[in-house]
């Protein structure tokens, strides 16, 4: 099993959220890369974000973003070795 490019783009979007402030959302502008626009639409359809173009994390999205950011931190913790 491996992450698809679509998964990676979705994870990258989840990484943009500031988990320390639930009142901060994101906006994916119509001039953004097509891949990011499509990822936001998928995350909205799956129930991770509140708007098709970003918005706020849902409860599910918040949990996923926390895990994505934790995994990122773990994977990069020893990148200098």
PDB file of N, CA and C in Angstrom:
ATOM      1  N   UNK A   1       0.854  -1.168   0.000  1.00  0.00           N
ATOM      2  CA  UNK A   1       0.000   0.000   0.000  1.00  0.00           C
ATOM      3  C   UNK A   1       0.901   1.233   0.000  1.00  0.00           C
ATOM      4  N   UNK A   2       0.520   2.233  -0.761  1.00  0.00           N
ATOM      5  CA  UNK A   2       1.307   3.470  -0.833  1.00  0.00           C
ATOM      6  C   UNK A   2       0.367   4.663  -0.971  1.00  0.00           C
ATOM      7  N   UNK A   3       0.842   5.813  -0.499  1.00  0.00           N
ATOM      8  CA  UNK A   3       0.069   7.034  -0.682  1.00  0.00           C
ATOM      9  C   UNK A   3       0.018   7.371  -2.167  1.00  0.00           C
ATOM     10  N   UNK A   4      -1.143   7.833  -2.614  1.00  0.00           N
ATOM     11  CA  UNK A   4      -1.261   8.321  -3.984  1.00  0.00           C
ATOM     12  C   UNK A   4      -0.886   9.796  -4.001  1.00  0.00           C
ATOM     13  N   UNK A   5      -0.675  10.342  -5.182  1.00  0.00           N
ATOM     14  CA  UNK A   5      -0.393  11.768  -5.277  1.00  0.00           C
ATOM     15  C   UNK A   5      -1.574  12.581  -4.744  1.00  0.00           C
ATOM     16  N   UNK A   6      -2.794  12.088  -4.954  1.00  0.00           N
ATOM     17  CA  UNK A   6      -3.976  12.764  -4.409  1.00  0.00           C
ATOM     18  C   UNK A   6      -3.921  12.798  -2.879  1.00  0.00           C
ATOM     19  N   UNK A   7      -3.523  11.671  -2.263  1.00  0.00           N
ATOM     20  CA  UNK A   7      -3.378  11.624  -0.797  1.00  0.00           C
ATOM     21  C   UNK A   7      -2.352  12.637  -0.321  1.00  0.00           C
ATOM     22  N   UNK A   8      -1.229  12.704  -1.005  1.00  0.00           N
ATOM     23  CA  UNK A   8      -0.154  13.614  -0.616  1.00  0.00           C
ATOM     24  C   UNK A   8      -0.635  15.062  -0.694  1.00  0.00           C
ATOM     25  N   UNK A   9      -1.352  15.402  -1.745  1.00  0.00           N
ATOM     26  CA  UNK A   9      -1.862  16.767  -1.890  1.00  0.00           C
ATOM     27  C   UNK A   9      -2.874  17.077  -0.796  1.00  0.00           C
ATOM     28  N   UNK A  10      -3.718  16.113  -0.437  1.00  0.00           N
ATOM     29  CA  UNK A  10      -4.668  16.310   0.654  1.00  0.00           C
ATOM     30  C   UNK A  10      -3.935  16.514   1.983  1.00  0.00           C
ATOM     31  N   UNK A  11      -2.903  15.706   2.225  1.00  0.00           N
ATOM     32  CA  UNK A  11      -2.112  15.857   3.452  1.00  0.00           C
ATOM     33  C   UNK A  11      -1.430  17.224   3.492  1.00  0.00           C
ATOM     34  N   UNK A  12      -0.906  17.657   2.355  1.00  0.00           N
ATOM     35  CA  UNK A  12      -0.280  18.979   2.288  1.00  0.00           C
ATOM     36  C   UNK A  12      -1.274  20.079   2.644  1.00  0.00           C
ATOM     37  N   UNK A  13      -2.509  19.947   2.201  1.00  0.00           N
ATOM     38  CA  UNK A  13      -3.527  20.939   2.548  1.00  0.00           C
ATOM     39  C   UNK A  13      -3.833  20.904   4.042  1.00  0.00           C
ATOM     40  N   UNK A  14      -3.947  19.723   4.602  1.00  0.00           N
ATOM     41  CA  UNK A  14      -4.205  19.610   6.034  1.00  0.00           C
ATOM     42  C   UNK A  14      -3.072  20.218   6.853  1.00  0.00           C
ATOM     43  N   UNK A  15      -1.866  20.174   6.315  1.00  0.00           N
ATOM     44  CA  UNK A  15      -0.705  20.746   7.009  1.00  0.00           C
ATOM     45  C   UNK A  15      -0.768  22.271   7.068  1.00  0.00           C
ATOM     46  N   UNK A  16      -1.578  22.891   6.238  1.00  0.00           N
ATOM     47  CA  UNK A  16      -1.682  24.353   6.219  1.00  0.00           C
ATOM     48  C   UNK A  16      -2.475  24.909   7.395  1.00  0.00           C
ATOM     49  N   UNK A  17      -3.253  24.065   8.031  1.00  0.00           N
ATOM     50  CA  UNK A  17      -4.107  24.535   9.123  1.00  0.00           C
ATOM     51  C   UNK A  17      -3.303  24.746  10.399  1.00  0.00           C
ATOM     52  N   UNK A  18      -3.614  25.829  11.101  1.00  0.00           N
ATOM     53  CA  UNK A  18      -3.004  26.151  12.385  1.00  0.00           C
ATOM     54  C   UNK A  18      -3.829  25.476  13.474  1.00  0.00           C
ATOM     55  N   UNK A  19      -3.295  24.406  14.020  1.00  0.00           N
ATOM     56  CA  UNK A  19      -4.041  23.626  15.009  1.00  0.00           C
ATOM     57  C   UNK A  19      -4.140  24.323  16.357  1.00  0.00           C
ATOM     58  N   UNK A  20      -3.353  25.354  16.562  1.00  0.00           N
ATOM     59  CA  UNK A  20      -3.408  26.072  17.834  1.00  0.00           C
ATOM     60  C   UNK A  20      -4.534  27.102  17.862  1.00  0.00           C
ATOM     61  N   UNK A  21      -5.191  27.322  16.721  1.00  0.00           N
ATOM     62  CA  UNK A  21      -6.256  28.317  16.653  1.00  0.00           C
ATOM     63  C   UNK A  21      -7.369  27.809  15.734  1.00  0.00           C
ATOM     64  N   UNK A  22      -8.431  27.290  16.332  1.00  0.00           N
ATOM     65  CA  UNK A  22      -9.535  26.734  15.537  1.00  0.00           C
ATOM     66  C   UNK A  22     -10.317  27.806  14.786  1.00  0.00           C
ATOM     67  N   UNK A  23     -10.070  29.075  15.103  1.00  0.00           N
ATOM     68  CA  UNK A  23     -10.755  30.172  14.419  1.00  0.00           C
ATOM     69  C   UNK A  23     -10.044  30.591  13.137  1.00  0.00           C
ATOM     70  N   UNK A  24      -8.895  29.969  12.855  1.00  0.00           N
ATOM     71  CA  UNK A  24      -8.161  30.256  11.629  1.00  0.00           C
ATOM     72  C   UNK A  24      -8.468  29.176  10.607  1.00  0.00           C
ATOM     73  N   UNK A  25      -9.040  29.580   9.503  1.00  0.00           N
ATOM     74  CA  UNK A  25      -9.277  28.661   8.408  1.00  0.00           C
ATOM     75  C   UNK A  25      -8.305  28.960   7.280  1.00  0.00           C
ATOM     76  N   UNK A  26      -8.529  28.334   6.146  1.00  0.00           N
ATOM     77  CA  UNK A  26      -7.736  28.628   4.962  1.00  0.00           C
ATOM     78  C   UNK A  26      -8.681  28.863   3.795  1.00  0.00           C
ATOM     79  N   UNK A  27      -8.177  29.512   2.775  1.00  0.00           N
ATOM     80  CA  UNK A  27      -8.945  29.785   1.557  1.00  0.00           C
ATOM     81  C   UNK A  27      -8.097  29.340   0.385  1.00  0.00           C
ATOM     82  N   UNK A  28      -8.621  28.433  -0.416  1.00  0.00           N
ATOM     83  CA  UNK A  28      -7.956  28.005  -1.636  1.00  0.00           C
ATOM     84  C   UNK A  28      -8.558  28.850  -2.762  1.00  0.00           C
ATOM     85  N   UNK A  29      -7.776  29.765  -3.270  1.00  0.00           N
ATOM     86  CA  UNK A  29      -8.268  30.679  -4.295  1.00  0.00           C
ATOM     87  C   UNK A  29      -8.414  29.974  -5.638  1.00  0.00           C
ATOM     88  N   UNK A  30      -9.261  30.523  -6.472  1.00  0.00           N
ATOM     89  CA  UNK A  30      -9.508  29.908  -7.791  1.00  0.00           C
ATOM     90  C   UNK A  30      -8.276  29.955  -8.677  1.00  0.00           C
ATOM     91  N   UNK A  31      -7.271  30.747  -8.305  1.00  0.00           N
ATOM     92  CA  UNK A  31      -6.030  30.815  -9.070  1.00  0.00           C
ATOM     93  C   UNK A  31      -4.973  29.831  -8.554  1.00  0.00           C
ATOM     94  N   UNK A  32      -5.316  29.058  -7.529  1.00  0.00           N
ATOM     95  CA  UNK A  32      -4.387  28.058  -6.979  1.00  0.00           C
ATOM     96  C   UNK A  32      -4.174  26.933  -7.987  1.00  0.00           C
ATOM     97  N   UNK A  33      -3.165  26.131  -7.719  1.00  0.00           N
ATOM     98  CA  UNK A  33      -2.909  24.957  -8.563  1.00  0.00           C
ATOM     99  C   UNK A  33      -4.157  24.086  -8.624  1.00  0.00           C
ATOM    100  N   UNK A  34      -4.409  23.521  -9.782  1.00  0.00           N
ATOM    101  CA  UNK A  34      -5.582  22.665  -9.974  1.00  0.00           C
ATOM    102  C   UNK A  34      -5.586  21.501  -8.991  1.00  0.00           C
ATOM    103  N   UNK A  35      -4.402  20.990  -8.660  1.00  0.00           N
ATOM    104  CA  UNK A  35      -4.310  19.860  -7.732  1.00  0.00           C
ATOM    105  C   UNK A  35      -4.795  20.257  -6.338  1.00  0.00           C
ATOM    106  N   UNK A  36      -4.449  21.476  -5.898  1.00  0.00           N
ATOM    107  CA  UNK A  36      -4.888  21.944  -4.587  1.00  0.00           C
ATOM    108  C   UNK A  36      -6.396  22.178  -4.567  1.00  0.00           C
ATOM    109  N   UNK A  37      -6.917  22.735  -5.639  1.00  0.00           N
ATOM    110  CA  UNK A  37      -8.364  22.962  -5.730  1.00  0.00           C
ATOM    111  C   UNK A  37      -9.099  21.631  -5.660  1.00  0.00           C
ATOM    112  N   UNK A  38      -8.605  20.655  -6.412  1.00  0.00           N
ATOM    113  CA  UNK A  38      -9.233  19.325  -6.417  1.00  0.00           C
ATOM    114  C   UNK A  38      -9.111  18.663  -5.045  1.00  0.00           C
ATOM    115  N   UNK A  39      -7.974  18.826  -4.389  1.00  0.00           N
ATOM    116  CA  UNK A  39      -7.774  18.238  -3.055  1.00  0.00           C
ATOM    117  C   UNK A  39      -8.756  18.840  -2.059  1.00  0.00           C
ATOM    118  N   UNK A  40      -8.950  20.146  -2.124  1.00  0.00           N
ATOM    119  CA  UNK A  40      -9.902  20.795  -1.216  1.00  0.00           C
ATOM    120  C   UNK A  40     -11.312  20.259  -1.464  1.00  0.00           C
ATOM    121  N   UNK A  41     -11.675  20.078  -2.701  1.00  0.00           N
ATOM    122  CA  UNK A  41     -13.000  19.534  -3.020  1.00  0.00           C
ATOM    123  C   UNK A  41     -13.160  18.126  -2.455  1.00  0.00           C
ATOM    124  N   UNK A  42     -12.114  17.320  -2.580  1.00  0.00           N
ATOM    125  CA  UNK A  42     -12.180  15.953  -2.038  1.00  0.00           C
ATOM    126  C   UNK A  42     -12.291  15.977  -0.522  1.00  0.00           C
ATOM    127  N   UNK A  43     -11.483  16.826   0.137  1.00  0.00           N
ATOM    128  CA  UNK A  43     -11.535  16.908   1.593  1.00  0.00           C
ATOM    129  C   UNK A  43     -12.898  17.397   2.072  1.00  0.00           C
ATOM    130  N   UNK A  44     -13.501  18.310   1.342  1.00  0.00           N
ATOM    131  CA  UNK A  44     -14.842  18.790   1.686  1.00  0.00           C
ATOM    132  C   UNK A  44     -15.854  17.647   1.534  1.00  0.00           C
ATOM    133  N   UNK A  45     -15.773  16.951   0.422  1.00  0.00           N
ATOM    134  CA  UNK A  45     -16.705  15.846   0.159  1.00  0.00           C
ATOM    135  C   UNK A  45     -16.571  14.727   1.206  1.00  0.00           C
ATOM    136  N   UNK A  46     -15.367  14.521   1.706  1.00  0.00           N
ATOM    137  CA  UNK A  46     -15.112  13.492   2.718  1.00  0.00           C
ATOM    138  C   UNK A  46     -15.450  13.965   4.125  1.00  0.00           C
ATOM    139  N   UNK A  47     -15.748  15.263   4.278  1.00  0.00           N
ATOM    140  CA  UNK A  47     -16.132  15.784   5.585  1.00  0.00           C
ATOM    141  C   UNK A  47     -14.989  16.284   6.451  1.00  0.00           C
ATOM    142  N   UNK A  48     -13.838  16.551   5.859  1.00  0.00           N
ATOM    143  CA  UNK A  48     -12.689  17.020   6.616  1.00  0.00           C
ATOM    144  C   UNK A  48     -12.663  18.534   6.790  1.00  0.00           C
ATOM    145  N   UNK A  49     -13.216  19.264   5.828  1.00  0.00           N
ATOM    146  CA  UNK A  49     -13.225  20.724   5.886  1.00  0.00           C
ATOM    147  C   UNK A  49     -14.636  21.244   5.649  1.00  0.00           C
ATOM    148  N   UNK A  50     -14.870  22.473   6.106  1.00  0.00           N
ATOM    149  CA  UNK A  50     -16.231  23.019   6.114  1.00  0.00           C
ATOM    150  C   UNK A  50     -16.687  23.644   4.810  1.00  0.00           C
ATOM    151  N   UNK A  51     -15.750  23.978   3.937  1.00  0.00           N
ATOM    152  CA  UNK A  51     -16.097  24.615   2.666  1.00  0.00           C
ATOM    153  C   UNK A  51     -15.348  23.933   1.530  1.00  0.00           C
ATOM    154  N   UNK A  52     -15.922  23.985   0.362  1.00  0.00           N
ATOM    155  CA  UNK A  52     -15.310  23.343  -0.798  1.00  0.00           C
ATOM    156  C   UNK A  52     -13.966  23.992  -1.153  1.00  0.00           C
ATOM    157  N   UNK A  53     -13.772  25.238  -0.741  1.00  0.00           N
ATOM    158  CA  UNK A  53     -12.518  25.940  -1.037  1.00  0.00           C
ATOM    159  C   UNK A  53     -11.687  26.174   0.224  1.00  0.00           C
ATOM    160  N   UNK A  54     -11.860  25.336   1.205  1.00  0.00           N
ATOM    161  CA  UNK A  54     -11.079  25.440   2.439  1.00  0.00           C
ATOM    162  C   UNK A  54     -11.956  25.586   3.655  1.00  0.00           C
ATOM    163  N   UNK A  55     -12.021  26.805   4.182  1.00  0.00           N
ATOM    164  CA  UNK A  55     -12.820  27.030   5.380  1.00  0.00           C
ATOM    165  C   UNK A  55     -12.113  26.515   6.609  1.00  0.00           C
ATOM    166  N   UNK A  56     -12.878  25.914   7.493  1.00  0.00           N
ATOM    167  CA  UNK A  56     -12.360  25.432   8.772  1.00  0.00           C
ATOM    168  C   UNK A  56     -12.328  23.906   8.785  1.00  0.00           C
ATOM    169  N   UNK A  57     -11.521  23.374   9.683  1.00  0.00           N
ATOM    170  CA  UNK A  57     -11.493  21.928   9.868  1.00  0.00           C
ATOM    171  C   UNK A  57     -12.751  21.484  10.607  1.00  0.00           C
ATOM    172  N   UNK A  58     -13.304  20.374  10.201  1.00  0.00           N
ATOM    173  CA  UNK A  58     -14.369  19.734  10.962  1.00  0.00           C
ATOM    174  C   UNK A  58     -13.699  18.936  12.084  1.00  0.00           C
ATOM    175  N   UNK A  59     -14.475  18.296  12.910  1.00  0.00           N
ATOM    176  CA  UNK A  59     -13.907  17.448  13.962  1.00  0.00           C
ATOM    177  C   UNK A  59     -13.028  16.364  13.347  1.00  0.00           C
ATOM    178  N   UNK A  60     -13.529  15.727  12.295  1.00  0.00           N
ATOM    179  CA  UNK A  60     -12.759  14.695  11.593  1.00  0.00           C
ATOM    180  C   UNK A  60     -11.495  15.294  10.990  1.00  0.00           C
ATOM    181  N   UNK A  61     -11.627  16.465  10.377  1.00  0.00           N
ATOM    182  CA  UNK A  61     -10.486  17.131   9.767  1.00  0.00           C
ATOM    183  C   UNK A  61      -9.435  17.533  10.778  1.00  0.00           C
ATOM    184  N   UNK A  62      -9.881  17.986  11.931  1.00  0.00           N
ATOM    185  CA  UNK A  62      -8.950  18.371  12.993  1.00  0.00           C
ATOM    186  C   UNK A  62      -8.144  17.165  13.450  1.00  0.00           C
ATOM    187  N   UNK A  63      -8.804  16.041  13.625  1.00  0.00           N
ATOM    188  CA  UNK A  63      -8.116  14.811  14.019  1.00  0.00           C
ATOM    189  C   UNK A  63      -7.119  14.387  12.945  1.00  0.00           C
ATOM    190  N   UNK A  64      -7.530  14.455  11.683  1.00  0.00           N
ATOM    191  CA  UNK A  64      -6.646  14.068  10.584  1.00  0.00           C
ATOM    192  C   UNK A  64      -5.455  15.016  10.476  1.00  0.00           C
ATOM    193  N   UNK A  65      -5.688  16.310  10.630  1.00  0.00           N
ATOM    194  CA  UNK A  65      -4.608  17.292  10.548  1.00  0.00           C
ATOM    195  C   UNK A  65      -3.614  17.095  11.690  1.00  0.00           C
ATOM    196  N   UNK A  66      -4.105  16.792  12.881  1.00  0.00           N
ATOM    197  CA  UNK A  66      -3.220  16.524  14.017  1.00  0.00           C
ATOM    198  C   UNK A  66      -2.322  15.325  13.722  1.00  0.00           C
ATOM    199  N   UNK A  67      -2.920  14.274  13.184  1.00  0.00           N
ATOM    200  CA  UNK A  67      -2.144  13.076  12.875  1.00  0.00           C
ATOM    201  C   UNK A  67      -1.160  13.337  11.737  1.00  0.00           C
ATOM    202  N   UNK A  68      -1.586  14.081  10.720  1.00  0.00           N
ATOM    203  CA  UNK A  68      -0.697  14.401   9.603  1.00  0.00           C
ATOM    204  C   UNK A  68       0.491  15.226  10.077  1.00  0.00           C
ATOM    205  N   UNK A  69       0.225  16.210  10.933  1.00  0.00           N
ATOM    206  CA  UNK A  69       1.301  17.058  11.422  1.00  0.00           C
ATOM    207  C   UNK A  69       2.220  16.289  12.366  1.00  0.00           C
ATOM    208  N   UNK A  70       1.671  15.376  13.153  1.00  0.00           N
ATOM    209  CA  UNK A  70       2.496  14.539  14.024  1.00  0.00           C
ATOM    210  C   UNK A  70       3.397  13.624  13.207  1.00  0.00           C
ATOM    211  N   UNK A  71       2.843  13.008  12.193  1.00  0.00           N
ATOM    212  CA  UNK A  71       3.631  12.127  11.335  1.00  0.00           C
ATOM    213  C   UNK A  71       4.740  12.905  10.638  1.00  0.00           C
ATOM    214  N   UNK A  72       4.432  14.085  10.155  1.00  0.00           N
ATOM    215  CA  UNK A  72       5.432  14.939   9.522  1.00  0.00           C
ATOM    216  C   UNK A  72       6.576  15.222  10.491  1.00  0.00           C
ATOM    217  N   UNK A  73       6.223  15.569  11.707  1.00  0.00           N
ATOM    218  CA  UNK A  73       7.235  15.862  12.731  1.00  0.00           C
ATOM    219  C   UNK A  73       8.097  14.640  13.010  1.00  0.00           C
ATOM    220  N   UNK A  74       7.463  13.475  13.134  1.00  0.00           N
ATOM    221  CA  UNK A  74       8.227  12.246  13.397  1.00  0.00           C
ATOM    222  C   UNK A  74       9.155  11.905  12.237  1.00  0.00           C
ATOM    223  N   UNK A  75       8.662  12.037  11.021  1.00  0.00           N
ATOM    224  CA  UNK A  75       9.470  11.698   9.857  1.00  0.00           C
ATOM    225  C   UNK A  75      10.650  12.637   9.683  1.00  0.00           C
ATOM    226  N   UNK A  76      10.522  13.846  10.154  1.00  0.00           N
ATOM    227  CA  UNK A  76      11.575  14.840   9.970  1.00  0.00           C
ATOM    228  C   UNK A  76      12.402  15.099  11.219  1.00  0.00           C
ATOM    229  N   UNK A  77      12.130  14.382  12.287  1.00  0.00           N
ATOM    230  CA  UNK A  77      12.821  14.597  13.546  1.00  0.00           C
ATOM    231  C   UNK A  77      14.319  14.327  13.448  1.00  0.00           C
ATOM    232  N   UNK A  78      14.700  13.379  12.661  1.00  0.00           N
ATOM    233  CA  UNK A  78      16.109  12.977  12.562  1.00  0.00           C
ATOM    234  C   UNK A  78      16.626  13.133  11.144  1.00  0.00           C
ATOM    235  N   UNK A  79      16.102  14.123  10.430  1.00  0.00           N
ATOM    236  CA  UNK A  79      16.488  14.284   9.034  1.00  0.00           C
ATOM    237  C   UNK A  79      17.933  14.737   8.866  1.00  0.00           C
ATOM    238  N   UNK A  80      18.558  15.238   9.926  1.00  0.00           N
ATOM    239  CA  UNK A  80      19.941  15.689   9.838  1.00  0.00           C
ATOM    240  C   UNK A  80      20.967  14.586  10.035  1.00  0.00           C
ATOM    241  N   UNK A  81      20.518  13.390  10.313  1.00  0.00           N
ATOM    242  CA  UNK A  81      21.458  12.279  10.589  1.00  0.00           C
ATOM    243  C   UNK A  81      21.891  11.601   9.331  1.00  0.00           C
TER     244      UNK A  81
END
